[in-house]
Amino acid sequence: MNVEIPPDVRDTASQLGAGVSYALKALAGQLADDPDMGRPSGLPGILTVTVDGDMFEDCPDLSVGYIREPDRIEIRYLRPAPPAESSPDAPDQDQEPGRDQGQPADTVAAAVAVREIADAWHRISRWLQHHAPDSYAALRTGANPAAIAALEGDLGIQIPVGLRVLWLLTAGDDGANGWGCLPGNRALMNLDAVAAVYRLKMDSQAHQDTLNVRRPEDDRITVWKPTWIPVVSYGSADRTSGLYLDAATGYLGRWSRYNEVAGDELDTLATYLEEAADMLEAPALATRDKPGLIGGALVWRSSIDPAGEDRWQPLAG
């Protein structure tokens, strides 16, 4: 489902607070996954949903109106929620926007994951903006919802709502001097790279399936599943390995061009990003990797080449 955010709505979001644009993009991801989450607004053809501003930094409670068509959603207005929408009769802060007590638990869980991912990425990008401007400049702007919908059609699977929200916030990391901003200097892949790696891995599995016909059942090889979506690569220009998100389970796993047996990371996308944000904000407590700087670029200790060691400055705190 394509969710369109007109320029005037984006302008309104930028005027209401720094966190409003993040909240709006998070909501767009939810709407793409659940187009009927809103309730009648009293205006012909327009549904409305309320966003709890406490879940986003510098964001008031919001009232968002949208129209829902068979193949698209268009957000028509965005404004601070009037007191009536925050009354005791409205959903409390533990509920998700536009949802009442009868909502399925998995729908509410997806909404929570959306907010966690949006918050974690906001923490990462804000840190980069203030401390590693070269790395911040290497981040792409958010993807157009239509581009995400096109990728979904290309892959032939439903993009998980949390990943869709992340791509709405940033469409990839071009790397600062080749260093991605995620632990291990990994980089968030752009949508073209996602599609290319996915097709390559599916072709590899098709070859294995041909060979599997002649193999005993216990010896059959799986190098890729249709639900695996590559999201992180070893580096901004290195597609030899990385992490995929399993759309069926919600967990990350490792992929490689050499088709080694995949290993689960036992992280969700939200926990992976949250830990990266935690390590940047409290480097003394970092365990998986150590963040530092080379000039204006974030560089993680585990992947520094020997030539860069003398220029690498660990972060304090």
Protein backbone atom coordinates (compact mmCIF):
# COMPACT_ATOMS: atom_id res chain seq x y z
CA MET A 1 0.00 0.00 0.00
CA ASN A 2 1.48 3.34 -1.08
CA VAL A 3 1.21 6.13 1.52
CA GLU A 4 1.56 9.65 0.11
CA ILE A 5 2.58 12.60 2.29
CA PRO A 6 1.96 15.85 0.36
CA PRO A 7 4.51 18.71 0.62
CA ASP A 8 2.15 20.92 2.62
CA VAL A 9 1.76 18.19 5.26
CA ARG A 10 5.55 17.76 5.42
CA ASP A 11 5.91 21.52 5.89
CA THR A 12 3.37 21.47 8.71
CA ALA A 13 5.27 18.62 10.37
CA SER A 14 8.55 20.56 10.27
CA GLN A 15 6.86 23.56 11.93
CA LEU A 16 5.30 21.58 14.79
CA GLY A 17 8.52 20.13 16.25
CA ALA A 18 11.70 18.29 15.36
CA GLY A 19 10.18 14.93 16.28
CA VAL A 20 6.97 15.37 14.30
CA SER A 21 8.50 14.36 10.95
CA TYR A 22 9.76 11.13 12.55
CA ALA A 23 6.34 10.48 14.05
CA LEU A 24 4.65 11.12 10.70
CA LYS A 25 6.96 8.72 8.86
CA ALA A 26 6.43 6.09 11.55
CA LEU A 27 2.68 6.49 11.16
CA ALA A 28 2.99 6.20 7.37
CA GLY A 29 4.68 2.83 7.85
CA GLN A 30 1.86 1.69 10.11
CA LEU A 31 -0.79 2.83 7.66
CA ALA A 32 0.87 0.95 4.81
CA ASP A 33 0.64 -2.17 6.93
CA ASP A 34 -2.83 -1.49 8.37
CA PRO A 35 -4.76 0.97 6.14
CA ASP A 36 -7.93 0.77 8.21
CA MET A 37 -6.40 1.62 11.58
CA GLY A 38 -8.14 5.03 11.69
CA ARG A 39 -11.67 5.92 12.68
CA PRO A 40 -14.26 8.14 10.93
CA SER A 41 -13.41 11.81 11.34
CA GLY A 42 -16.79 13.36 10.61
CA LEU A 43 -15.43 14.67 7.30
CA PRO A 44 -16.60 12.83 4.17
CA GLY A 45 -14.19 10.04 3.21
CA ILE A 46 -11.52 10.98 5.77
CA LEU A 47 -10.29 8.72 8.56
CA THR A 48 -8.36 10.07 11.52
CA VAL A 49 -5.77 8.63 13.85
CA THR A 50 -4.17 10.09 16.97
CA VAL A 51 -0.43 9.87 17.62
CA ASP A 52 0.83 9.86 21.21
CA GLY A 53 3.51 12.57 21.19
CA ASP A 54 5.13 11.23 24.37
CA MET A 55 6.59 8.39 22.28
CA PHE A 56 8.68 10.83 20.22
CA GLU A 57 11.04 13.57 21.36
CA ASP A 58 9.83 17.13 20.66
CA CYS A 59 6.45 16.00 19.37
CA PRO A 60 2.98 17.02 20.62
CA ASP A 61 -0.02 14.72 20.48
CA LEU A 62 -1.15 14.74 16.86
CA SER A 63 -4.36 14.34 14.95
CA VAL A 64 -3.77 13.00 11.42
CA GLY A 65 -6.44 12.74 8.74
CA TYR A 66 -6.12 10.54 5.66
CA ILE A 67 -8.12 9.13 2.77
CA ARG A 68 -7.95 5.44 2.00
CA GLU A 69 -8.29 4.23 -1.59
CA PRO A 70 -7.88 0.65 -2.89
CA ASP A 71 -4.20 1.07 -3.80
CA ARG A 72 -3.10 4.22 -2.00
CA ILE A 73 -3.41 6.35 1.12
CA GLU A 74 -3.01 10.11 1.14
CA ILE A 75 -2.45 11.98 4.38
CA ARG A 76 -4.60 15.09 4.11
CA TYR A 77 -3.88 17.00 7.29
CA LEU A 78 -1.71 17.05 10.39
CA ARG A 79 -2.38 19.17 13.48
CA PRO A 80 -1.89 19.11 17.24
CA ALA A 81 -4.58 16.97 18.84
CA PRO A 82 -7.19 19.06 20.66
CA PRO A 83 -7.78 18.28 24.35
CA ALA A 84 -10.89 16.27 23.48
CA GLU A 85 -8.71 13.67 21.75
CA SER A 86 -6.63 13.29 24.90
CA SER A 87 -9.63 13.01 27.21
CA PRO A 88 -10.22 10.08 29.57
CA ASP A 89 -12.47 8.56 26.90
CA ALA A 90 -9.56 8.42 24.44
CA PRO A 91 -6.96 5.61 24.42
CA ASP A 92 -4.46 5.98 27.24
CA GLN A 93 -0.70 6.28 26.78
CA ASP A 94 -0.21 2.54 26.88
CA GLN A 95 -2.34 2.11 23.78
CA GLU A 96 -1.29 2.66 20.20
CA PRO A 97 -2.62 5.53 18.08
CA GLY A 98 -6.07 4.97 16.67
CA ARG A 99 -6.50 1.61 18.41
CA ASP A 100 -8.84 0.49 21.15
CA GLN A 101 -8.75 -2.32 23.64
CA GLY A 102 -10.09 -4.81 21.10
CA GLN A 103 -7.09 -4.56 18.77
CA PRO A 104 -5.12 -7.79 18.14
CA ALA A 105 -1.93 -8.14 20.16
CA ASP A 106 0.23 -8.64 17.05
CA THR A 107 -1.02 -5.36 15.58
CA VAL A 108 -0.17 -3.50 18.77
CA ALA A 109 3.24 -5.21 18.90
CA ALA A 110 3.98 -4.06 15.36
CA ALA A 111 3.07 -0.49 16.31
CA VAL A 112 5.42 -0.65 19.30
CA ALA A 113 8.24 -1.93 17.07
CA VAL A 114 7.65 0.96 14.68
CA ARG A 115 8.09 3.47 17.48
CA GLU A 116 11.16 1.69 18.82
CA ILE A 117 12.84 1.70 15.41
CA ALA A 118 11.98 5.35 14.74
CA ASP A 119 13.31 6.35 18.17
CA ALA A 120 16.52 4.30 17.83
CA TRP A 121 17.30 5.68 14.37
CA HIS A 122 16.58 9.22 15.58
CA ARG A 123 19.14 8.70 18.37
CA ILE A 124 21.75 7.38 15.91
CA SER A 125 21.25 10.10 13.29
CA ARG A 126 21.15 12.86 15.91
CA TRP A 127 24.43 11.62 17.40
CA LEU A 128 26.02 11.54 13.95
CA GLN A 129 24.80 15.04 13.21
CA HIS A 130 26.41 16.40 16.38
CA HIS A 131 29.62 14.33 16.54
CA ALA A 132 30.37 12.76 13.13
CA PRO A 133 29.20 15.18 10.43
CA ASP A 134 30.90 13.26 7.61
CA SER A 135 28.96 10.12 8.53
CA TYR A 136 25.74 12.09 8.90
CA ALA A 137 26.21 13.61 5.44
CA ALA A 138 26.58 10.10 3.98
CA LEU A 139 23.07 9.09 5.05
CA ARG A 140 20.49 9.19 2.28
CA THR A 141 17.20 10.94 2.75
CA GLY A 142 14.13 8.82 3.37
CA ALA A 143 12.77 6.72 0.54
CA ASN A 144 9.60 7.69 -1.28
CA PRO A 145 6.76 5.41 -0.16
CA ALA A 146 6.16 4.55 -3.83
CA ALA A 147 9.76 3.29 -4.13
CA ILE A 148 9.25 1.00 -1.13
CA ALA A 149 5.99 -0.26 -2.61
CA ALA A 150 7.80 -0.95 -5.91
CA LEU A 151 10.52 -2.88 -4.09
CA GLU A 152 7.87 -4.90 -2.29
CA GLY A 153 6.38 -5.83 -5.65
CA ASP A 154 9.82 -6.68 -7.04
CA LEU A 155 10.64 -8.99 -4.14
CA GLY A 156 7.15 -10.47 -4.09
CA ILE A 157 6.88 -10.35 -0.29
CA GLN A 158 5.42 -7.94 2.24
CA ILE A 159 8.03 -5.64 3.75
CA PRO A 160 7.76 -5.71 7.57
CA VAL A 161 6.34 -2.46 8.87
CA GLY A 162 9.39 -1.70 11.02
CA LEU A 163 11.77 -2.01 8.05
CA ARG A 164 9.43 0.10 5.94
CA VAL A 165 9.56 2.82 8.59
CA LEU A 166 13.37 2.70 8.71
CA TRP A 167 13.53 3.15 4.94
CA LEU A 168 11.10 6.06 5.16
CA LEU A 169 13.58 7.70 7.56
CA THR A 170 16.69 6.91 5.52
CA ALA A 171 17.09 5.11 2.19
CA GLY A 172 20.62 3.88 2.89
CA ASP A 173 24.12 4.82 4.00
CA ASP A 174 26.69 5.77 1.34
CA GLY A 175 29.45 5.63 3.94
CA ALA A 176 32.06 8.19 4.97
CA ASN A 177 35.32 7.12 3.31
CA GLY A 178 33.81 3.65 2.99
CA TRP A 179 32.85 3.34 6.65
CA GLY A 180 29.21 2.62 7.37
CA CYS A 181 27.75 3.99 10.59
CA LEU A 182 26.56 0.70 12.09
CA PRO A 183 28.72 -1.55 14.34
CA GLY A 184 31.53 -3.20 12.43
CA ASN A 185 31.36 -0.23 10.03
CA ARG A 186 28.46 -1.96 8.33
CA ALA A 187 26.11 0.12 6.22
CA LEU A 188 22.37 0.22 5.75
CA MET A 189 21.82 -0.88 2.15
CA ASN A 190 20.02 1.29 -0.38
CA LEU A 191 16.91 -0.12 -2.06
CA ASP A 192 18.65 -0.92 -5.35
CA ALA A 193 21.29 -2.92 -3.50
CA VAL A 194 18.59 -4.74 -1.52
CA ALA A 195 16.88 -5.81 -4.74
CA ALA A 196 20.15 -6.84 -6.43
CA VAL A 197 21.38 -8.97 -3.52
CA TYR A 198 17.94 -10.53 -3.06
CA ARG A 199 17.80 -11.58 -6.73
CA LEU A 200 21.35 -12.93 -6.58
CA LYS A 201 20.64 -15.00 -3.47
CA MET A 202 17.35 -16.31 -4.86
CA ASP A 203 19.18 -17.40 -8.02
CA SER A 204 21.72 -19.22 -5.82
CA GLN A 205 18.90 -21.00 -4.01
CA ALA A 206 17.27 -21.95 -7.32
CA HIS A 207 20.54 -23.62 -8.32
CA GLN A 208 20.66 -25.46 -5.00
CA ASP A 209 17.06 -26.56 -5.42
CA THR A 210 18.02 -28.18 -8.72
CA LEU A 211 20.82 -30.07 -6.96
CA ASN A 212 18.66 -30.82 -3.92
CA VAL A 213 16.43 -33.04 -6.06
CA ARG A 214 19.30 -35.55 -6.22
CA ARG A 215 20.39 -35.15 -2.61
CA PRO A 216 19.12 -37.10 0.40
CA GLU A 217 16.65 -35.01 2.39
CA ASP A 218 19.08 -34.49 5.28
CA ASP A 219 21.78 -33.21 2.89
CA ARG A 220 19.70 -30.62 1.08
CA ILE A 221 21.10 -27.11 1.22
CA THR A 222 19.27 -23.88 1.91
CA VAL A 223 21.29 -20.73 1.25
CA TRP A 224 18.36 -18.34 1.04
CA LYS A 225 14.66 -18.17 1.86
CA PRO A 226 12.09 -15.95 0.12
CA THR A 227 11.32 -14.22 3.44
CA TRP A 228 14.94 -13.08 3.96
CA ILE A 229 15.43 -9.40 3.07
CA PRO A 230 19.03 -8.11 2.95
CA VAL A 231 19.23 -4.87 4.93
CA VAL A 232 22.84 -4.33 6.04
CA SER A 233 26.06 -4.90 4.08
CA TYR A 234 29.64 -5.36 5.26
CA GLY A 235 30.48 -1.86 4.01
CA SER A 236 28.95 0.92 1.98
CA ALA A 237 30.58 -0.42 -1.20
CA ASP A 238 31.11 -4.04 -0.09
CA ARG A 239 28.37 -6.55 -0.87
CA THR A 240 30.28 -9.68 0.19
CA SER A 241 28.29 -10.19 3.39
CA GLY A 242 25.87 -8.57 5.76
CA LEU A 243 22.64 -9.02 7.69
CA TYR A 244 19.18 -9.95 6.48
CA LEU A 245 15.82 -9.49 8.19
CA ASP A 246 13.61 -12.57 8.18
CA ALA A 247 10.12 -11.24 7.45
CA ALA A 248 8.63 -14.43 8.87
CA THR A 249 10.31 -14.33 12.30
CA GLY A 250 11.39 -10.70 12.72
CA TYR A 251 14.98 -11.73 13.53
CA LEU A 252 18.21 -10.76 11.83
CA GLY A 253 20.62 -13.29 10.36
CA ARG A 254 23.95 -13.26 8.54
CA TRP A 255 24.34 -13.65 4.77
CA SER A 256 27.45 -14.02 2.64
CA ARG A 257 28.28 -14.27 -1.06
CA TYR A 258 30.03 -17.53 -0.26
CA ASN A 259 26.76 -19.10 0.93
CA GLU A 260 28.04 -20.28 4.27
CA VAL A 261 25.38 -21.68 6.58
CA ALA A 262 23.42 -18.67 7.82
CA GLY A 263 23.52 -17.84 11.52
CA ASP A 264 20.86 -16.01 13.47
CA GLU A 265 21.87 -12.76 15.16
CA LEU A 266 19.07 -13.23 17.71
CA ASP A 267 18.39 -9.52 17.35
CA THR A 268 15.32 -7.85 15.99
CA LEU A 269 15.83 -4.77 13.85
CA ALA A 270 14.70 -2.65 16.80
CA THR A 271 17.09 -4.20 19.33
CA TYR A 272 19.98 -4.04 16.83
CA LEU A 273 19.48 -0.31 16.27
CA GLU A 274 18.84 0.35 19.96
CA GLU A 275 22.15 -1.30 20.91
CA ALA A 276 24.00 0.75 18.28
CA ALA A 277 22.45 3.92 19.72
CA ASP A 278 23.33 2.83 23.27
CA MET A 279 26.99 2.24 22.31
CA LEU A 280 27.24 5.69 20.75
CA GLU A 281 25.67 7.44 23.72
CA ALA A 282 27.56 5.41 26.37
CA PRO A 283 30.75 4.09 24.67
CA ALA A 284 32.29 2.98 27.97
CA LEU A 285 29.53 0.38 28.26
CA ALA A 286 29.85 -0.86 24.66
CA THR A 287 30.44 -4.60 24.40
CA ARG A 288 30.10 -5.80 20.80
CA ASP A 289 32.25 -3.03 19.32
CA LYS A 290 33.88 0.26 20.28
CA PRO A 291 32.96 3.50 18.51
CA GLY A 292 35.49 6.19 17.69
CA LEU A 293 36.29 8.94 15.23
CA ILE A 294 38.67 9.51 12.36
CA GLY A 295 38.24 13.15 11.54
CA GLY A 296 34.53 13.77 11.10
CA ALA A 297 33.63 10.13 10.47
CA LEU A 298 32.36 7.50 12.90
CA VAL A 299 34.62 4.44 12.75
CA TRP A 300 34.06 1.27 14.77
CA ARG A 301 37.16 -0.33 16.30
CA SER A 302 36.58 -3.88 15.04
CA SER A 303 37.02 -3.00 11.37
CA ILE A 304 39.86 -0.48 11.30
CA ASP A 305 42.65 -1.30 8.89
CA PRO A 306 46.20 -0.96 10.27
CA ALA A 307 46.81 2.24 8.31
CA GLY A 308 44.04 3.99 10.20
CA GLU A 309 44.82 2.89 13.75
CA ASP A 310 47.04 5.86 14.60
CA ARG A 311 44.32 8.31 13.52
CA TRP A 312 41.45 6.60 15.35
CA GLN A 313 40.24 8.37 18.47
CA PRO A 314 38.04 6.35 20.86
CA LEU A 315 34.97 8.05 22.22
CA ALA A 316 34.92 9.11 25.84
CA GLY A 317 31.95 8.60 28.13
